[in-house]
Amino acid sequence: GFTNSTALSPTDVMPLAPWAKCVMTLQSLVSLIILGLVVA
């Protein structure tokens, strides 16, 4: 969860199931929005 929120992509853990890919995509998007808007 931490690396997916900081790297905004899989690092060493690969999502295989469709639900895992969708959830990791959603988490990366949420983290990108938070970090980008808050810092700006």
All heavy atoms as atom14 arrays in JSON, in Angstrom:
{
  "sequence": "GFTNSTALSPTDVMPLAPWAKCVMTLQSLVSLIILGLVVA",
  "atom14_mask": [
    [1, 1, 1, 1, 0, 0, 0, 0, 0, 0, 0, 0, 0, 0],
    [1, 1, 1, 1, 1, 1, 1, 1, 1, 1, 1, 0, 0, 0],
    [1, 1, 1, 1, 1, 1, 1, 0, 0, 0, 0, 0, 0, 0],
    [1, 1, 1, 1, 1, 1, 1, 1, 0, 0, 0, 0, 0, 0],
    [1, 1, 1, 1, 1, 1, 0, 0, 0, 0, 0, 0, 0, 0],
    [1, 1, 1, 1, 1, 1, 1, 0, 0, 0, 0, 0, 0, 0],
    [1, 1, 1, 1, 1, 0, 0, 0, 0, 0, 0, 0, 0, 0],
    [1, 1, 1, 1, 1, 1, 1, 1, 0, 0, 0, 0, 0, 0],
    [1, 1, 1, 1, 1, 1, 0, 0, 0, 0, 0, 0, 0, 0],
    [1, 1, 1, 1, 1, 1, 1, 0, 0, 0, 0, 0, 0, 0],
    [1, 1, 1, 1, 1, 1, 1, 0, 0, 0, 0, 0, 0, 0],
    [1, 1, 1, 1, 1, 1, 1, 1, 0, 0, 0, 0, 0, 0],
    [1, 1, 1, 1, 1, 1, 1, 0, 0, 0, 0, 0, 0, 0],
    [1, 1, 1, 1, 1, 1, 1, 1, 0, 0, 0, 0, 0, 0],
    [1, 1, 1, 1, 1, 1, 1, 0, 0, 0, 0, 0, 0, 0],
    [1, 1, 1, 1, 1, 1, 1, 1, 0, 0, 0, 0, 0, 0],
    [1, 1, 1, 1, 1, 0, 0, 0, 0, 0, 0, 0, 0, 0],
    [1, 1, 1, 1, 1, 1, 1, 0, 0, 0, 0, 0, 0, 0],
    [1, 1, 1, 1, 1, 1, 1, 1, 1, 1, 1, 1, 1, 1],
    [1, 1, 1, 1, 1, 0, 0, 0, 0, 0, 0, 0, 0, 0],
    [1, 1, 1, 1, 1, 1, 1, 1, 1, 0, 0, 0, 0, 0],
    [1, 1, 1, 1, 1, 1, 0, 0, 0, 0, 0, 0, 0, 0],
    [1, 1, 1, 1, 1, 1, 1, 0, 0, 0, 0, 0, 0, 0],
    [1, 1, 1, 1, 1, 1, 1, 1, 0, 0, 0, 0, 0, 0],
    [1, 1, 1, 1, 1, 1, 1, 0, 0, 0, 0, 0, 0, 0],
    [1, 1, 1, 1, 1, 1, 1, 1, 0, 0, 0, 0, 0, 0],
    [1, 1, 1, 1, 1, 1, 1, 1, 1, 0, 0, 0, 0, 0],
    [1, 1, 1, 1, 1, 1, 0, 0, 0, 0, 0, 0, 0, 0],
    [1, 1, 1, 1, 1, 1, 1, 1, 0, 0, 0, 0, 0, 0],
    [1, 1, 1, 1, 1, 1, 1, 0, 0, 0, 0, 0, 0, 0],
    [1, 1, 1, 1, 1, 1, 0, 0, 0, 0, 0, 0, 0, 0],
    [1, 1, 1, 1, 1, 1, 1, 1, 0, 0, 0, 0, 0, 0],
    [1, 1, 1, 1, 1, 1, 1, 1, 0, 0, 0, 0, 0, 0],
    [1, 1, 1, 1, 1, 1, 1, 1, 0, 0, 0, 0, 0, 0],
    [1, 1, 1, 1, 1, 1, 1, 1, 0, 0, 0, 0, 0, 0],
    [1, 1, 1, 1, 0, 0, 0, 0, 0, 0, 0, 0, 0, 0],
    [1, 1, 1, 1, 1, 1, 1, 1, 0, 0, 0, 0, 0, 0],
    [1, 1, 1, 1, 1, 1, 1, 0, 0, 0, 0, 0, 0, 0],
    [1, 1, 1, 1, 1, 1, 1, 0, 0, 0, 0, 0, 0, 0],
    [1, 1, 1, 1, 1, 0, 0, 0, 0, 0, 0, 0, 0, 0]
  ],
  "atom14_positions": [
    [[0.81, -1.21, 0.0], [0.0, 0.0, 0.0], [0.84, 1.26, 0.0], [0.51, 2.24, -0.68], [0.0, 0.0, 0.0], [0.0, 0.0, 0.0], [0.0, 0.0, 0.0], [0.0, 0.0, 0.0], [0.0, 0.0, 0.0], [0.0, 0.0, 0.0], [0.0, 0.0, 0.0], [0.0, 0.0, 0.0], [0.0, 0.0, 0.0], [0.0, 0.0, 0.0]],
    [[1.95, 1.24, 0.75], [2.81, 2.43, 0.82], [3.53, 2.67, -0.51], [3.55, 3.79, -1.02], [3.82, 2.26, 1.95], [4.78, 3.41, 2.07], [4.4, 4.58, 2.7], [6.06, 3.33, 1.54], [5.28, 5.66, 2.81], [6.95, 4.39, 1.64], [6.55, 5.55, 2.27], [0.0, 0.0, 0.0], [0.0, 0.0, 0.0], [0.0, 0.0, 0.0]],
    [[4.14, 1.64, -1.06], [4.89, 1.82, -2.31], [3.97, 2.17, -3.47], [4.33, 2.95, -4.35], [5.69, 0.56, -2.64], [4.82, -0.59, -2.67], [6.78, 0.32, -1.6], [0.0, 0.0, 0.0], [0.0, 0.0, 0.0], [0.0, 0.0, 0.0], [0.0, 0.0, 0.0], [0.0, 0.0, 0.0], [0.0, 0.0, 0.0], [0.0, 0.0, 0.0]],
    [[2.76, 1.61, -3.49], [1.83, 1.93, -4.57], [1.36, 3.38, -4.48], [1.04, 4.0, -5.49], [0.63, 0.99, -4.53], [-0.18, 1.02, -5.8], [0.35, 0.9, -6.9], [-1.49, 1.18, -5.68], [0.0, 0.0, 0.0], [0.0, 0.0, 0.0], [0.0, 0.0, 0.0], [0.0, 0.0, 0.0], [0.0, 0.0, 0.0], [0.0, 0.0, 0.0]],
    [[1.33, 3.93, -3.24], [0.92, 5.33, -3.07], [2.05, 6.31, -3.33], [1.8, 7.49, -3.57], [0.4, 5.55, -1.63], [-0.87, 4.98, -1.48], [0.0, 0.0, 0.0], [0.0, 0.0, 0.0], [0.0, 0.0, 0.0], [0.0, 0.0, 0.0], [0.0, 0.0, 0.0], [0.0, 0.0, 0.0], [0.0, 0.0, 0.0], [0.0, 0.0, 0.0]],
    [[3.3, 5.84, -3.26], [4.43, 6.74, -3.48], [4.98, 6.61, -4.9], [5.29, 7.62, -5.55], [5.55, 6.46, -2.47], [5.86, 5.06, -2.47], [5.12, 6.86, -1.07], [0.0, 0.0, 0.0], [0.0, 0.0, 0.0], [0.0, 0.0, 0.0], [0.0, 0.0, 0.0], [0.0, 0.0, 0.0], [0.0, 0.0, 0.0], [0.0, 0.0, 0.0]],
    [[5.11, 5.38, -5.39], [5.6, 5.18, -6.76], [4.5, 5.32, -7.79], [4.77, 5.47, -8.98], [6.25, 3.79, -6.88], [0.0, 0.0, 0.0], [0.0, 0.0, 0.0], [0.0, 0.0, 0.0], [0.0, 0.0, 0.0], [0.0, 0.0, 0.0], [0.0, 0.0, 0.0], [0.0, 0.0, 0.0], [0.0, 0.0, 0.0], [0.0, 0.0, 0.0]],
    [[3.23, 5.25, -7.33], [2.06, 5.35, -8.22], [2.05, 4.24, -9.25], [1.51, 4.41, -10.35], [2.01, 6.72, -8.9], [2.08, 7.93, -7.97], [2.04, 9.23, -8.77], [0.94, 7.91, -6.96], [0.0, 0.0, 0.0], [0.0, 0.0, 0.0], [0.0, 0.0, 0.0], [0.0, 0.0, 0.0], [0.0, 0.0, 0.0], [0.0, 0.0, 0.0]],
    [[2.64, 3.1, -8.92], [2.67, 1.94, -9.82], [3.17, 0.75, -9.03], [3.75, 0.92, -7.95], [3.6, 2.2, -11.02], [4.93, 2.37, -10.58], [0.0, 0.0, 0.0], [0.0, 0.0, 0.0], [0.0, 0.0, 0.0], [0.0, 0.0, 0.0], [0.0, 0.0, 0.0], [0.0, 0.0, 0.0], [0.0, 0.0, 0.0], [0.0, 0.0, 0.0]],
    [[2.97, -0.47, -9.53], [3.51, -1.63, -8.83], [5.04, -1.57, -8.75], [5.69, -1.11, -9.69], [3.05, -2.82, -9.69], [1.9, -2.3, -10.49], [2.18, -0.86, -10.72], [0.0, 0.0, 0.0], [0.0, 0.0, 0.0], [0.0, 0.0, 0.0], [0.0, 0.0, 0.0], [0.0, 0.0, 0.0], [0.0, 0.0, 0.0], [0.0, 0.0, 0.0]],
    [[5.57, -1.99, -7.63], [7.03, -2.05, -7.46], [7.49, -3.5, -7.53], [7.96, -3.95, -8.56], [7.44, -1.4, -6.14], [6.69, -2.0, -5.06], [7.16, 0.09, -6.17], [0.0, 0.0, 0.0], [0.0, 0.0, 0.0], [0.0, 0.0, 0.0], [0.0, 0.0, 0.0], [0.0, 0.0, 0.0], [0.0, 0.0, 0.0], [0.0, 0.0, 0.0]],
    [[7.36, -4.23, -6.43], [7.79, -5.63, -6.44], [6.62, -6.6, -6.38], [6.8, -7.81, -6.53], [8.74, -5.92, -5.28], [8.08, -5.7, -3.93], [7.07, -4.97, -3.89], [8.55, -6.26, -2.93], [0.0, 0.0, 0.0], [0.0, 0.0, 0.0], [0.0, 0.0, 0.0], [0.0, 0.0, 0.0], [0.0, 0.0, 0.0], [0.0, 0.0, 0.0]],
    [[5.4, -6.11, -6.15], [4.21, -6.96, -6.06], [3.38, -6.74, -7.31], [2.95, -5.62, -7.6], [3.39, -6.64, -4.81], [2.2, -7.59, -4.71], [4.25, -6.75, -3.56], [0.0, 0.0, 0.0], [0.0, 0.0, 0.0], [0.0, 0.0, 0.0], [0.0, 0.0, 0.0], [0.0, 0.0, 0.0], [0.0, 0.0, 0.0], [0.0, 0.0, 0.0]],
    [[3.12, -7.82, -8.05], [2.41, -7.72, -9.31], [0.93, -8.11, -9.14], [0.64, -9.2, -8.63], [3.05, -8.64, -10.35], [4.46, -8.26, -10.74], [4.56, -6.65, -11.57], [5.29, -5.65, -10.26], [0.0, 0.0, 0.0], [0.0, 0.0, 0.0], [0.0, 0.0, 0.0], [0.0, 0.0, 0.0], [0.0, 0.0, 0.0], [0.0, 0.0, 0.0]],
    [[0.0, -7.25, -9.54], [-1.42, -7.63, -9.49], [-1.75, -8.58, -10.63], [-1.47, -8.3, -11.79], [-2.14, -6.29, -9.65], [-1.18, -5.44, -10.43], [0.19, -5.87, -10.02], [0.0, 0.0, 0.0], [0.0, 0.0, 0.0], [0.0, 0.0, 0.0], [0.0, 0.0, 0.0], [0.0, 0.0, 0.0], [0.0, 0.0, 0.0], [0.0, 0.0, 0.0]],
    [[-2.34, -9.71, -10.3], [-2.7, -10.71, -11.3], [-4.21, -10.73, -11.57], [-4.64, -10.86, -12.71], [-2.24, -12.1, -10.85], [-0.73, -12.26, -10.58], [-0.42, -13.7, -10.19], [0.1, -11.84, -11.78], [0.0, 0.0, 0.0], [0.0, 0.0, 0.0], [0.0, 0.0, 0.0], [0.0, 0.0, 0.0], [0.0, 0.0, 0.0], [0.0, 0.0, 0.0]],
    [[-5.0, -10.61, -10.52], [-6.46, -10.65, -10.67], [-6.96, -9.29, -11.14], [-6.38, -8.25, -10.8], [-7.11, -11.02, -9.35], [0.0, 0.0, 0.0], [0.0, 0.0, 0.0], [0.0, 0.0, 0.0], [0.0, 0.0, 0.0], [0.0, 0.0, 0.0], [0.0, 0.0, 0.0], [0.0, 0.0, 0.0], [0.0, 0.0, 0.0], [0.0, 0.0, 0.0]],
    [[-8.05, -9.27, -11.91], [-8.6, -7.99, -12.37], [-8.94, -7.05, -11.22], [-8.71, -5.84, -11.33], [-9.84, -8.4, -13.17], [-9.53, -9.79, -13.64], [-8.74, -10.42, -12.54], [0.0, 0.0, 0.0], [0.0, 0.0, 0.0], [0.0, 0.0, 0.0], [0.0, 0.0, 0.0], [0.0, 0.0, 0.0], [0.0, 0.0, 0.0], [0.0, 0.0, 0.0]],
    [[-9.52, -7.58, -10.14], [-9.88, -6.69, -9.04], [-8.64, -6.04, -8.44], [-8.69, -4.87, -8.03], [-10.67, -7.44, -7.96], [-9.87, -8.38, -7.11], [-9.79, -9.73, -7.23], [-9.02, -8.04, -5.99], [-8.96, -10.26, -6.28], [-8.47, -9.25, -5.5], [-8.68, -6.85, -5.37], [-7.6, -9.28, -4.42], [-7.81, -6.88, -4.29], [-7.29, -8.09, -3.82]],
    [[-7.53, -6.78, -8.36], [-6.3, -6.22, -7.8], [-5.77, -5.1, -8.68], [-5.29, -4.07, -8.17], [-5.26, -7.32, -7.64], [0.0, 0.0, 0.0], [0.0, 0.0, 0.0], [0.0, 0.0, 0.0], [0.0, 0.0, 0.0], [0.0, 0.0, 0.0], [0.0, 0.0, 0.0], [0.0, 0.0, 0.0], [0.0, 0.0, 0.0], [0.0, 0.0, 0.0]],
    [[-5.84, -5.27, -9.99], [-5.4, -4.22, -10.9], [-6.27, -2.97, -10.75], [-5.76, -1.84, -10.75], [-5.43, -4.73, -12.34], [-4.46, -5.89, -12.6], [-4.55, -6.38, -14.02], [-3.58, -7.53, -14.26], [-3.63, -8.05, -15.64], [0.0, 0.0, 0.0], [0.0, 0.0, 0.0], [0.0, 0.0, 0.0], [0.0, 0.0, 0.0], [0.0, 0.0, 0.0]],
    [[-7.58, -3.18, -10.63], [-8.49, -2.03, -10.49], [-8.26, -1.29, -9.18], [-8.22, -0.05, -9.15], [-9.94, -2.51, -10.58], [-10.43, -3.16, -12.19], [0.0, 0.0, 0.0], [0.0, 0.0, 0.0], [0.0, 0.0, 0.0], [0.0, 0.0, 0.0], [0.0, 0.0, 0.0], [0.0, 0.0, 0.0], [0.0, 0.0, 0.0], [0.0, 0.0, 0.0]],
    [[-8.08, -2.03, -8.09], [-7.89, -1.4, -6.78], [-6.55, -0.67, -6.74], [-6.47, 0.46, -6.21], [-7.98, -2.45, -5.66], [-7.58, -1.84, -4.32], [-9.39, -3.0, -5.57], [0.0, 0.0, 0.0], [0.0, 0.0, 0.0], [0.0, 0.0, 0.0], [0.0, 0.0, 0.0], [0.0, 0.0, 0.0], [0.0, 0.0, 0.0], [0.0, 0.0, 0.0]],
    [[-5.5, -1.27, -7.27], [-4.19, -0.59, -7.27], [-4.23, 0.65, -8.15], [-3.59, 1.66, -7.84], [-3.11, -1.56, -7.73], [-2.8, -2.65, -6.72], [-1.42, -3.73, -7.18], [-0.04, -2.59, -6.98], [0.0, 0.0, 0.0], [0.0, 0.0, 0.0], [0.0, 0.0, 0.0], [0.0, 0.0, 0.0], [0.0, 0.0, 0.0], [0.0, 0.0, 0.0]],
    [[-4.97, 0.6, -9.25], [-5.12, 1.78, -10.1], [-5.85, 2.89, -9.35], [-5.45, 4.07, -9.39], [-5.89, 1.43, -11.38], [-5.18, 0.43, -12.11], [-6.08, 2.66, -12.26], [0.0, 0.0, 0.0], [0.0, 0.0, 0.0], [0.0, 0.0, 0.0], [0.0, 0.0, 0.0], [0.0, 0.0, 0.0], [0.0, 0.0, 0.0], [0.0, 0.0, 0.0]],
    [[-6.93, 2.53, -8.64], [-7.68, 3.52, -7.87], [-6.81, 4.13, -6.78], [-6.83, 5.35, -6.57], [-8.91, 2.85, -7.25], [-9.76, 3.73, -6.33], [-10.32, 4.93, -7.09], [-10.89, 2.91, -5.7], [0.0, 0.0, 0.0], [0.0, 0.0, 0.0], [0.0, 0.0, 0.0], [0.0, 0.0, 0.0], [0.0, 0.0, 0.0], [0.0, 0.0, 0.0]],
    [[-6.03, 3.31, -6.09], [-5.17, 3.84, -5.03], [-4.13, 4.8, -5.59], [-3.86, 5.86, -5.02], [-4.48, 2.72, -4.27], [-3.66, 3.23, -3.1], [-2.78, 2.18, -2.46], [-2.66, 1.08, -2.98], [-2.17, 2.52, -1.34], [0.0, 0.0, 0.0], [0.0, 0.0, 0.0], [0.0, 0.0, 0.0], [0.0, 0.0, 0.0], [0.0, 0.0, 0.0]],
    [[-3.52, 4.45, -6.71], [-2.53, 5.33, -7.33], [-3.16, 6.65, -7.74], [-2.56, 7.72, -7.56], [-1.9, 4.64, -8.55], [-1.18, 3.49, -8.18], [0.0, 0.0, 0.0], [0.0, 0.0, 0.0], [0.0, 0.0, 0.0], [0.0, 0.0, 0.0], [0.0, 0.0, 0.0], [0.0, 0.0, 0.0], [0.0, 0.0, 0.0], [0.0, 0.0, 0.0]],
    [[-4.36, 6.59, -8.29], [-5.05, 7.81, -8.71], [-5.37, 8.7, -7.51], [-5.16, 9.93, -7.55], [-6.34, 7.45, -9.46], [-7.19, 8.62, -9.96], [-6.42, 9.47, -10.96], [-8.48, 8.1, -10.6], [0.0, 0.0, 0.0], [0.0, 0.0, 0.0], [0.0, 0.0, 0.0], [0.0, 0.0, 0.0], [0.0, 0.0, 0.0], [0.0, 0.0, 0.0]],
    [[-5.88, 8.1, -6.43], [-6.2, 8.86, -5.22], [-4.95, 9.51, -4.65], [-4.95, 10.69, -4.28], [-6.87, 7.93, -4.18], [-6.94, 8.62, -2.81], [-8.27, 7.54, -4.64], [0.0, 0.0, 0.0], [0.0, 0.0, 0.0], [0.0, 0.0, 0.0], [0.0, 0.0, 0.0], [0.0, 0.0, 0.0], [0.0, 0.0, 0.0], [0.0, 0.0, 0.0]],
    [[-3.86, 8.75, -4.58], [-2.62, 9.29, -4.03], [-2.07, 10.41, -4.9], [-1.59, 11.43, -4.39], [-1.59, 8.16, -3.91], [-0.38, 8.64, -3.36], [0.0, 0.0, 0.0], [0.0, 0.0, 0.0], [0.0, 0.0, 0.0], [0.0, 0.0, 0.0], [0.0, 0.0, 0.0], [0.0, 0.0, 0.0], [0.0, 0.0, 0.0], [0.0, 0.0, 0.0]],
    [[-2.14, 10.24, -6.22], [-1.66, 11.29, -7.13], [-2.44, 12.58, -6.94], [-1.85, 13.68, -6.89], [-1.79, 10.79, -8.57], [-1.41, 11.79, -9.67], [0.07, 12.17, -9.56], [-1.71, 11.21, -11.05], [0.0, 0.0, 0.0], [0.0, 0.0, 0.0], [0.0, 0.0, 0.0], [0.0, 0.0, 0.0], [0.0, 0.0, 0.0], [0.0, 0.0, 0.0]],
    [[-3.75, 12.48, -6.79], [-4.57, 13.67, -6.62], [-4.25, 14.36, -5.3], [-4.08, 15.59, -5.23], [-6.06, 13.29, -6.7], [-6.42, 12.85, -8.13], [-6.94, 14.47, -6.28], [-7.83, 12.32, -8.26], [0.0, 0.0, 0.0], [0.0, 0.0, 0.0], [0.0, 0.0, 0.0], [0.0, 0.0, 0.0], [0.0, 0.0, 0.0], [0.0, 0.0, 0.0]],
    [[-4.15, 13.57, -4.22], [-3.88, 14.16, -2.91], [-2.53, 14.86, -2.9], [-2.4, 16.04, -2.52], [-3.92, 13.08, -1.81], [-5.34, 12.53, -1.65], [-3.43, 13.65, -0.48], [-5.44, 11.39, -0.66], [0.0, 0.0, 0.0], [0.0, 0.0, 0.0], [0.0, 0.0, 0.0], [0.0, 0.0, 0.0], [0.0, 0.0, 0.0], [0.0, 0.0, 0.0]],
    [[-1.48, 14.14, -3.32], [-0.14, 14.7, -3.28], [-0.01, 15.91, -4.2], [0.56, 16.94, -3.82], [0.89, 13.63, -3.67], [1.01, 12.45, -2.71], [2.0, 11.42, -3.27], [1.46, 12.91, -1.34], [0.0, 0.0, 0.0], [0.0, 0.0, 0.0], [0.0, 0.0, 0.0], [0.0, 0.0, 0.0], [0.0, 0.0, 0.0], [0.0, 0.0, 0.0]],
    [[-0.56, 15.8, -5.41], [-0.44, 16.89, -6.37], [-1.16, 18.15, -5.92], [-0.57, 19.25, -5.89], [0.0, 0.0, 0.0], [0.0, 0.0, 0.0], [0.0, 0.0, 0.0], [0.0, 0.0, 0.0], [0.0, 0.0, 0.0], [0.0, 0.0, 0.0], [0.0, 0.0, 0.0], [0.0, 0.0, 0.0], [0.0, 0.0, 0.0], [0.0, 0.0, 0.0]],
    [[-2.43, 18.01, -5.5], [-3.2, 19.19, -5.12], [-2.71, 19.79, -3.81], [-2.63, 21.02, -3.67], [-4.68, 18.82, -5.02], [-5.39, 18.5, -6.34], [-6.85, 18.15, -6.08], [-5.3, 19.68, -7.3], [0.0, 0.0, 0.0], [0.0, 0.0, 0.0], [0.0, 0.0, 0.0], [0.0, 0.0, 0.0], [0.0, 0.0, 0.0], [0.0, 0.0, 0.0]],
    [[-2.39, 18.96, -2.83], [-1.97, 19.47, -1.53], [-0.65, 20.21, -1.66], [-0.48, 21.33, -1.13], [-1.86, 18.33, -0.51], [-1.14, 18.79, 0.76], [-3.25, 17.82, -0.14], [0.0, 0.0, 0.0], [0.0, 0.0, 0.0], [0.0, 0.0, 0.0], [0.0, 0.0, 0.0], [0.0, 0.0, 0.0], [0.0, 0.0, 0.0], [0.0, 0.0, 0.0]],
    [[0.3, 19.62, -2.35], [1.61, 20.28, -2.5], [1.48, 21.58, -3.29], [2.07, 22.62, -2.93], [2.61, 19.33, -3.19], [3.89, 20.06, -3.55], [2.93, 18.14, -2.27], [0.0, 0.0, 0.0], [0.0, 0.0, 0.0], [0.0, 0.0, 0.0], [0.0, 0.0, 0.0], [0.0, 0.0, 0.0], [0.0, 0.0, 0.0], [0.0, 0.0, 0.0]],
    [[0.69, 21.54, -4.38], [0.51, 22.75, -5.17], [-0.13, 23.87, -4.36], [0.28, 25.03, -4.42], [-0.33, 22.43, -6.39], [0.0, 0.0, 0.0], [0.0, 0.0, 0.0], [0.0, 0.0, 0.0], [0.0, 0.0, 0.0], [0.0, 0.0, 0.0], [0.0, 0.0, 0.0], [0.0, 0.0, 0.0], [0.0, 0.0, 0.0], [0.0, 0.0, 0.0]]
  ]
}
